[in-house]
Structure formats: structure tokens, C-alpha cells
C-alpha atoms as a PDB file:
ATOM      1  CA  MET A   1       0.000   0.000   0.000  1.00  0.00           C
ATOM      2  CA  LYS A   2       1.254   3.413  -0.850  1.00  0.00           C
ATOM      3  CA  ASN A   3       1.043   5.579   2.264  1.00  0.00           C
ATOM      4  CA  TYR A   4       0.039   3.184   5.048  1.00  0.00           C
ATOM      5  CA  GLU A   5       1.168  -0.043   6.607  1.00  0.00           C
ATOM      6  CA  TYR A   6      -1.580  -2.672   6.637  1.00  0.00           C
ATOM      7  CA  GLN A   7      -2.145  -2.793  10.415  1.00  0.00           C
ATOM      8  CA  GLU A   8      -1.737   0.976  10.703  1.00  0.00           C
ATOM      9  CA  LEU A   9      -4.619   1.502   8.270  1.00  0.00           C
ATOM     10  CA  ILE A  10      -6.843  -0.931  10.179  1.00  0.00           C
ATOM     11  CA  ASP A  11      -6.099   0.903  13.434  1.00  0.00           C
ATOM     12  CA  ILE A  12      -6.820   4.288  11.835  1.00  0.00           C
ATOM     13  CA  VAL A  13     -10.152   3.091  10.429  1.00  0.00           C
ATOM     14  CA  LYS A  14     -11.223   1.667  13.796  1.00  0.00           C
ATOM     15  CA  GLU A  15     -10.246   4.814  15.667  1.00  0.00           C
ATOM     16  CA  VAL A  16     -11.707   7.328  13.235  1.00  0.00           C
ATOM     17  CA  PHE A  17     -14.969   5.446  12.667  1.00  0.00           C
ATOM     18  CA  GLY A  18     -15.315   5.009  16.434  1.00  0.00           C
ATOM     19  CA  ASN A  19     -14.806   8.739  16.920  1.00  0.00           C
ATOM     20  CA  TYR A  20     -17.340   9.522  14.190  1.00  0.00           C
ATOM     21  CA  ARG A  21     -19.885   7.195  15.811  1.00  0.00           C
ATOM     22  CA  ASN A  22     -19.337   8.873  19.181  1.00  0.00           C
ATOM     23  CA  ASP A  23     -19.679  12.337  17.619  1.00  0.00           C
ATOM     24  CA  ALA A  24     -22.842  11.252  15.786  1.00  0.00           C
ATOM     25  CA  ALA A  25     -24.393   9.870  18.966  1.00  0.00           C
ATOM     26  CA  GLN A  26     -23.784  13.155  20.769  1.00  0.00           C
ATOM     27  CA  ILE A  27     -25.809  15.069  18.197  1.00  0.00           C
ATOM     28  CA  GLY A  28     -28.551  12.488  17.740  1.00  0.00           C
ATOM     29  CA  GLU A  29     -27.258  10.856  14.564  1.00  0.00           C
ATOM     30  CA  ASN A  30     -26.742   7.155  13.917  1.00  0.00           C
ATOM     31  CA  SER A  31     -23.968   4.868  12.709  1.00  0.00           C
ATOM     32  CA  MET A  32     -25.023   5.213   9.065  1.00  0.00           C
ATOM     33  CA  GLN A  33     -24.526   8.973   9.257  1.00  0.00           C
ATOM     34  CA  ALA A  34     -21.113   8.366  10.808  1.00  0.00           C
ATOM     35  CA  LEU A  35     -20.351   5.950   7.965  1.00  0.00           C
ATOM     36  CA  SER A  36     -21.342   8.587   5.398  1.00  0.00           C
ATOM     37  CA  ARG A  37     -18.977  11.076   7.009  1.00  0.00           C
ATOM     38  CA  PHE A  38     -16.216   8.461   7.033  1.00  0.00           C
ATOM     39  CA  PHE A  39     -16.612   7.790   3.301  1.00  0.00           C
ATOM     40  CA  VAL A  40     -16.451  11.497   2.496  1.00  0.00           C
ATOM     41  CA  ASP A  41     -13.324  12.033   4.585  1.00  0.00           C
ATOM     42  CA  PHE A  42     -11.546   8.853   3.426  1.00  0.00           C
ATOM     43  CA  ASP A  43     -12.462   8.970  -0.276  1.00  0.00           C
ATOM     44  CA  CYS A  44      -8.899   9.793  -1.337  1.00  0.00           C
ATOM     45  CA  VAL A  45      -7.453   6.940   0.707  1.00  0.00           C
ATOM     46  CA  ILE A  46     -10.019   4.481  -0.667  1.00  0.00           C
ATOM     47  CA  ASN A  47      -9.065   5.558  -4.181  1.00  0.00           C
ATOM     48  CA  GLU A  48      -5.318   5.077  -3.595  1.00  0.00           C
ATOM     49  CA  GLY A  49      -5.488   1.416  -4.457  1.00  0.00           C
ATOM     50  CA  GLU A  50      -7.246  -1.890  -4.135  1.00  0.00           C
ATOM     51  CA  GLY A  51      -5.370  -2.810  -0.966  1.00  0.00           C
ATOM     52  CA  GLU A  52      -6.437   0.369   0.780  1.00  0.00           C
ATOM     53  CA  ALA A  53     -10.026   0.100  -0.421  1.00  0.00           C
ATOM     54  CA  ALA A  54     -10.387  -3.549   0.612  1.00  0.00           C
ATOM     55  CA  THR A  55      -8.718  -2.962   3.985  1.00  0.00           C
ATOM     56  CA  ILE A  56     -10.969  -0.003   4.770  1.00  0.00           C
ATOM     57  CA  CYS A  57     -14.218  -1.631   3.660  1.00  0.00           C
ATOM     58  CA  ALA A  58     -13.491  -4.965   5.351  1.00  0.00           C
ATOM     59  CA  THR A  59     -12.562  -3.193   8.576  1.00  0.00           C
ATOM     60  CA  LEU A  60     -15.690  -1.025   8.495  1.00  0.00           C
ATOM     61  CA  SER A  61     -17.868  -4.106   7.953  1.00  0.00           C
ATOM     62  CA  ILE A  62     -16.271  -5.900  10.885  1.00  0.00           C
ATOM     63  CA  GLU A  63     -16.671  -2.808  13.065  1.00  0.00           C
ATOM     64  CA  LEU A  64     -20.366  -2.607  12.144  1.00  0.00           C
ATOM     65  CA  ASP A  65     -20.721  -6.232  13.186  1.00  0.00           C
ATOM     66  CA  LYS A  66     -18.977  -5.528  16.505  1.00  0.00           C
ATOM     67  CA  ILE A  67     -21.519  -2.832  17.344  1.00  0.00           C
ATOM     68  CA  GLN A  68     -24.286  -5.224  16.283  1.00  0.00           C
ATOM     69  CA  GLN A  69     -25.477  -3.051  13.416  1.00  0.00           C
ATOM     70  CA  LYS A  70     -28.365  -5.002  11.890  1.00  0.00           C
ATOM     71  CA  ASN A  71     -29.070  -2.852   8.847  1.00  0.00           C
ATOM     72  CA  ILE A  72     -27.167  -0.839   6.297  1.00  0.00           C
ATOM     73  CA  SER A  73     -28.273   1.682   3.710  1.00  0.00           C
ATOM     74  CA  LYS A  74     -28.394   0.517   0.110  1.00  0.00           C
ATOM     75  CA  GLN A  75     -25.864   3.189  -0.847  1.00  0.00           C
ATOM     76  CA  HIS A  76     -23.306   2.030   1.732  1.00  0.00           C
ATOM     77  CA  PHE A  77     -23.971  -1.644   1.050  1.00  0.00           C
ATOM     78  CA  GLU A  78     -23.384  -1.223  -2.680  1.00  0.00           C
ATOM     79  CA  LYS A  79     -20.258   0.877  -2.195  1.00  0.00           C
ATOM     80  CA  ILE A  80     -18.674  -1.593   0.216  1.00  0.00           C
ATOM     81  CA  MET A  81     -19.723  -4.720  -1.687  1.00  0.00           C
ATOM     82  CA  ASN A  82     -18.481  -3.345  -5.012  1.00  0.00           C
ATOM     83  CA  ILE A  83     -15.049  -2.864  -3.454  1.00  0.00           C
ATOM     84  CA  LEU A  84     -15.003  -6.216  -1.683  1.00  0.00           C
ATOM     85  CA  ASP A  85     -16.316  -8.114  -4.731  1.00  0.00           C
ATOM     86  CA  ARG A  86     -13.529  -6.819  -6.947  1.00  0.00           C
ATOM     87  CA  TYR A  87     -10.807  -7.720  -4.428  1.00  0.00           C
ATOM     88  CA  ASP A  88      -8.104  -9.689  -6.251  1.00  0.00           C
ATOM     89  CA  ILE A  89      -4.932 -10.880  -4.557  1.00  0.00           C
ATOM     90  CA  SER A  90      -2.905 -10.438  -7.743  1.00  0.00           C
ATOM     91  CA  ASN A  91      -3.618  -6.698  -7.681  1.00  0.00           C
ATOM     92  CA  ILE A  92      -2.039  -6.191  -4.256  1.00  0.00           C
ATOM     93  CA  MET A  93       0.955  -8.520  -4.421  1.00  0.00           C
ATOM     94  CA  GLY A  94       4.025  -6.540  -3.522  1.00  0.00           C
ATOM     95  CA  ALA A  95       1.984  -3.832  -1.819  1.00  0.00           C
ATOM     96  CA  ILE A  96       1.732  -5.861   1.400  1.00  0.00           C
ATOM     97  CA  ASN A  97       3.519  -9.009   2.512  1.00  0.00           C
ATOM     98  CA  ASP A  98       2.178 -12.547   2.102  1.00  0.00           C
ATOM     99  CA  ASP A  99       0.979 -12.818   5.710  1.00  0.00           C
ATOM    100  CA  GLU A 100      -0.935  -9.547   5.353  1.00  0.00           C
ATOM    101  CA  ILE A 101      -2.446 -10.717   2.068  1.00  0.00           C
ATOM    102  CA  GLU A 102      -3.703 -13.838   3.840  1.00  0.00           C
ATOM    103  CA  LEU A 103      -5.126 -11.752   6.698  1.00  0.00           C
ATOM    104  CA  LEU A 104      -6.755  -9.285   4.323  1.00  0.00           C
ATOM    105  CA  SER A 105      -8.284 -12.071   2.256  1.00  0.00           C
ATOM    106  CA  LYS A 106      -9.838 -13.538   5.395  1.00  0.00           C
ATOM    107  CA  ARG A 107     -11.109 -10.104   6.470  1.00  0.00           C
ATOM    108  CA  VAL A 108     -12.671  -9.551   3.031  1.00  0.00           C
ATOM    109  CA  ASN A 109     -14.444 -12.921   3.173  1.00  0.00           C
ATOM    110  CA  ASP A 110     -15.621 -12.247   6.736  1.00  0.00           C
ATOM    111  CA  ALA A 111     -16.869  -8.803   5.717  1.00  0.00           C
ATOM    112  CA  ILE A 112     -18.845 -10.181   2.777  1.00  0.00           C
ATOM    113  CA  GLU A 113     -20.460 -12.729   5.083  1.00  0.00           C
ATOM    114  CA  ILE A 114     -21.297 -10.003   7.644  1.00  0.00           C
ATOM    115  CA  LEU A 115     -22.837  -7.721   5.020  1.00  0.00           C
ATOM    116  CA  SER A 116     -24.848 -10.542   3.473  1.00  0.00           C
ATOM    117  CA  LYS A 117     -26.630 -10.987   6.815  1.00  0.00           C
ATOM    118  CA  MET A 118     -27.540  -7.305   7.193  1.00  0.00           C
ATOM    119  CA  GLU A 119     -30.870  -5.849   6.183  1.00  0.00           C
ATOM    120  CA  VAL A 120     -30.365  -3.375   3.334  1.00  0.00           C
ATOM    121  CA  THR A 121     -32.537  -0.285   3.676  1.00  0.00           C
ATOM    122  CA  SER A 122     -33.313   2.481   1.186  1.00  0.00           C
END
């Protein structure tokens, strides 16, 4: 990955999304509004490469599962699934090491499974 180490990016996503959720709760917003804000602020990072995009979207999906989020907006679902569905190991070889590729591949599969169980709302 270009500007981040694999684990560093995971930690950043967890911290920032957690902060956004806390901020949203304080003003009466929900996790989906926090997710919207996250996507706006992290658009450039997501567009840096497939490794970044997959890492971010898999981590967000796992974080949503941890907070027991049962539904997701259609817009967010489609954005995340489009990124996870196009994940291809051959496109990130050399960007992260083999162990990280294995971990990311597992996270992507876990994230797809998590999202497939969520109710998609309009």
C-alpha cells in the first residue's frame, strides 16, 4: 500500500470510525450517518489502491458487526460490496507481505459474510 502499513490503516479506520460514531451519537445521529462522514473524509485513501479500499471496507464491515449493526443503507452496502467483490490478490501482491495478504483475504471474506446478513434499507 502506498502511504500506510496494513495494520496501521486498520487501526486508523477503527479509531476514526469510532470517533465519528461517538460524535454522531452526541448530536442524535446514527452509525449510518457516521459511515457517510467516514466515506467522504476517506475517499482519497479508498481511491489510492485496491489494498487500501479492501482494507478499509473490510474493517468497516467488521466494526459494524462488533456494534451489532443489523441494517445498512443501500448506498453504503453497494459501495462496500463493489469494493469487496472486486478484491483480487494479484492486484495487491508486492503492496503488502504474504501474511498480510492472507489476513486481508480472510477479512474480506468475513466482511462479505457479515454484510450478506444485514438488512439493506433504502
